[in-house]
Amino acid sequence: MESSQKVGQELRLTKALNPKQLRQGISKDFAAVLFKKLKGGFFLVIGFLLSPLSWWNDLFFNLPIAYGFGYLCSLLSPKLLLPCTIIGYWISCIAGILLMQAGVIDVFQDQSQERNFKKELLMGIATSTAYTLVILALLQLKILDTPLEFLGNL
């Protein structure tokens, strides 16, 4: 009996609203959700391209960005090229991880929650630092080899 009363109340409420009003409310919500998901997808893709999660993106994205950052620093002092290139690489990796986090939150999280930018930044720094330490360990254990002929003039 209660369920039939609820259905009757819902029908009366629905009839009270104009169908055009219903469509406008739904389309505005749909457009906002769609924009949020598309924006999140864009951030996710750009973040993946900048992140250290794939082996090929370093050659096409991170290293040119890092080298450009190192080159700009070397205009101040030529000795800054290599250290600033490494710093530029870290910055591009951290930016990629943060963009991926923001994209995943926008795409997969339905409810809007307050974001903790400080926590996300620290997580990105920790992840990028861990990745760098793993690469350094692989270099020290001679599992990875460095192209020393490219670094000879530095």
Protein backbone atom coordinates (compact mmCIF):
# COMPACT_ATOMS: atom_id res chain seq x y z
CA MET A 1 0.00 0.00 0.00
CA GLU A 2 2.80 2.39 0.88
CA SER A 3 4.55 1.73 -2.40
CA SER A 4 1.44 2.58 -4.40
CA GLN A 5 1.12 5.83 -2.45
CA LYS A 6 4.77 6.66 -3.21
CA VAL A 7 4.25 5.98 -6.90
CA GLY A 8 1.16 8.18 -6.88
CA GLN A 9 3.08 11.02 -5.22
CA GLU A 10 5.93 10.71 -7.71
CA LEU A 11 3.49 10.79 -10.62
CA ARG A 12 1.84 13.94 -9.25
CA LEU A 13 5.27 15.59 -8.87
CA THR A 14 6.26 14.58 -12.37
CA LYS A 15 3.05 15.96 -13.85
CA ALA A 16 3.58 19.23 -11.94
CA LEU A 17 6.90 19.71 -13.71
CA ASN A 18 6.94 20.72 -17.32
CA PRO A 19 8.64 18.09 -19.57
CA LYS A 20 10.76 20.88 -21.04
CA GLN A 21 12.01 21.72 -17.56
CA LEU A 22 12.88 18.08 -16.96
CA ARG A 23 14.86 17.86 -20.23
CA GLN A 24 16.73 21.09 -19.50
CA GLY A 25 17.67 19.93 -16.00
CA ILE A 26 18.84 16.57 -17.30
CA SER A 27 20.74 18.06 -20.24
CA LYS A 28 22.55 20.60 -18.01
CA ASP A 29 23.59 17.87 -15.59
CA PHE A 30 24.60 15.60 -18.44
CA ALA A 31 26.65 18.34 -20.09
CA ALA A 32 28.45 19.14 -16.83
CA VAL A 33 29.23 15.47 -16.17
CA LEU A 34 30.33 14.93 -19.76
CA PHE A 35 32.62 17.97 -19.66
CA LYS A 36 34.13 16.79 -16.38
CA LYS A 37 34.77 13.31 -17.80
CA LEU A 38 36.25 14.67 -21.05
CA LYS A 39 38.49 17.06 -19.11
CA GLY A 40 39.57 14.19 -16.87
CA GLY A 41 40.27 12.00 -19.89
CA PHE A 42 42.40 14.75 -21.44
CA PHE A 43 44.38 15.16 -18.21
CA LEU A 44 44.75 11.39 -17.95
CA VAL A 45 46.19 11.07 -21.47
CA ILE A 46 48.55 14.05 -21.10
CA GLY A 47 49.58 12.80 -17.67
CA PHE A 48 50.30 9.32 -19.04
CA LEU A 49 52.42 10.82 -21.81
CA LEU A 50 54.44 12.76 -19.24
CA SER A 51 54.56 10.07 -16.56
CA PRO A 52 57.32 7.48 -16.17
CA LEU A 53 54.84 4.62 -16.65
CA SER A 54 55.78 3.76 -20.22
CA TRP A 55 59.21 3.26 -21.72
CA TRP A 56 58.69 5.10 -25.00
CA ASN A 57 57.38 8.43 -23.71
CA ASP A 58 60.75 9.50 -22.32
CA LEU A 59 62.24 9.72 -25.78
CA PHE A 60 59.39 11.75 -27.26
CA PHE A 61 58.16 13.83 -24.32
CA ASN A 62 60.13 13.87 -21.07
CA LEU A 63 63.69 14.08 -22.39
CA PRO A 64 63.00 16.94 -24.84
CA ILE A 65 61.20 18.84 -22.08
CA ALA A 66 64.01 18.10 -19.63
CA TYR A 67 66.69 19.06 -22.14
CA GLY A 68 64.87 22.29 -22.94
CA PHE A 69 64.73 23.11 -19.23
CA GLY A 70 68.43 22.26 -18.89
CA TYR A 71 69.27 24.36 -21.94
CA LEU A 72 67.45 27.38 -20.52
CA CYS A 73 69.36 26.95 -17.25
CA SER A 74 72.64 26.57 -19.14
CA LEU A 75 72.18 30.06 -20.55
CA LEU A 76 72.91 31.27 -17.01
CA SER A 77 75.88 28.92 -16.54
CA PRO A 78 77.04 26.08 -18.85
CA LYS A 79 77.63 23.82 -15.84
CA LEU A 80 73.88 23.81 -15.12
CA LEU A 81 72.93 21.82 -18.24
CA LEU A 82 73.09 18.31 -16.74
CA PRO A 83 71.73 19.10 -13.24
CA CYS A 84 68.87 21.15 -14.64
CA THR A 85 68.12 18.47 -17.22
CA ILE A 86 67.70 15.98 -14.38
CA ILE A 87 65.55 18.45 -12.45
CA GLY A 88 63.48 19.09 -15.59
CA TYR A 89 62.97 15.35 -15.99
CA TRP A 90 61.76 15.06 -12.41
CA ILE A 91 59.41 18.01 -12.88
CA SER A 92 57.92 16.52 -16.05
CA CYS A 93 57.42 13.15 -14.33
CA ILE A 94 55.79 14.77 -11.30
CA ALA A 95 53.55 16.85 -13.55
CA GLY A 96 52.56 13.68 -15.42
CA ILE A 97 51.71 11.79 -12.28
CA LEU A 98 49.70 14.71 -10.88
CA LEU A 99 47.81 15.11 -14.16
CA MET A 100 47.04 11.39 -14.19
CA GLN A 101 45.76 11.56 -10.61
CA ALA A 102 43.54 14.53 -11.44
CA GLY A 103 42.28 12.81 -14.59
CA VAL A 104 41.47 9.56 -12.84
CA ILE A 105 39.57 11.42 -10.13
CA ASP A 106 37.53 13.32 -12.74
CA VAL A 107 36.81 10.27 -14.88
CA PHE A 108 36.13 7.57 -12.30
CA GLN A 109 34.94 9.34 -9.16
CA ASP A 110 31.22 10.08 -9.28
CA GLN A 111 30.87 12.26 -6.24
CA SER A 112 32.75 15.51 -5.98
CA GLN A 113 35.01 15.44 -2.95
CA GLU A 114 37.45 18.01 -1.68
CA ARG A 115 40.88 17.45 -3.24
CA ASN A 116 43.99 17.55 -1.11
CA PHE A 117 46.56 19.19 -3.42
CA LYS A 118 49.35 18.91 -0.85
CA LYS A 119 48.80 15.16 -0.49
CA GLU A 120 48.66 14.71 -4.29
CA LEU A 121 51.86 16.73 -4.73
CA LEU A 122 53.71 14.76 -2.07
CA MET A 123 52.49 11.49 -3.61
CA GLY A 124 53.72 12.61 -7.04
CA ILE A 125 57.11 13.60 -5.65
CA ALA A 126 57.43 10.31 -3.75
CA THR A 127 56.46 8.25 -6.81
CA SER A 128 58.86 10.09 -9.11
CA THR A 129 61.68 9.86 -6.57
CA ALA A 130 61.07 6.12 -6.13
CA TYR A 131 61.14 5.67 -9.91
CA THR A 132 64.42 7.61 -10.14
CA LEU A 133 65.96 5.53 -7.36
CA VAL A 134 64.93 2.31 -9.12
CA ILE A 135 66.56 3.52 -12.34
CA LEU A 136 69.73 4.50 -10.45
CA ALA A 137 69.82 1.07 -8.78
CA LEU A 138 69.43 -0.64 -12.17
CA LEU A 139 72.31 1.48 -13.50
CA GLN A 140 74.52 0.67 -10.51
CA LEU A 141 73.80 -3.06 -10.79
CA LYS A 142 74.71 -2.88 -14.51
CA ILE A 143 71.26 -4.10 -15.51
CA LEU A 144 70.79 -0.90 -17.52
CA ASP A 145 73.59 0.65 -19.52
CA THR A 146 74.10 4.39 -20.07
CA PRO A 147 75.10 5.94 -23.37
CA LEU A 148 78.30 7.54 -22.08
CA GLU A 149 79.35 8.81 -25.52
CA PHE A 150 76.49 11.33 -25.36
CA LEU A 151 77.53 12.53 -21.92
CA GLY A 152 81.26 12.83 -22.72
CA ASN A 153 81.18 16.55 -23.60
CA LEU A 154 79.30 17.63 -20.48
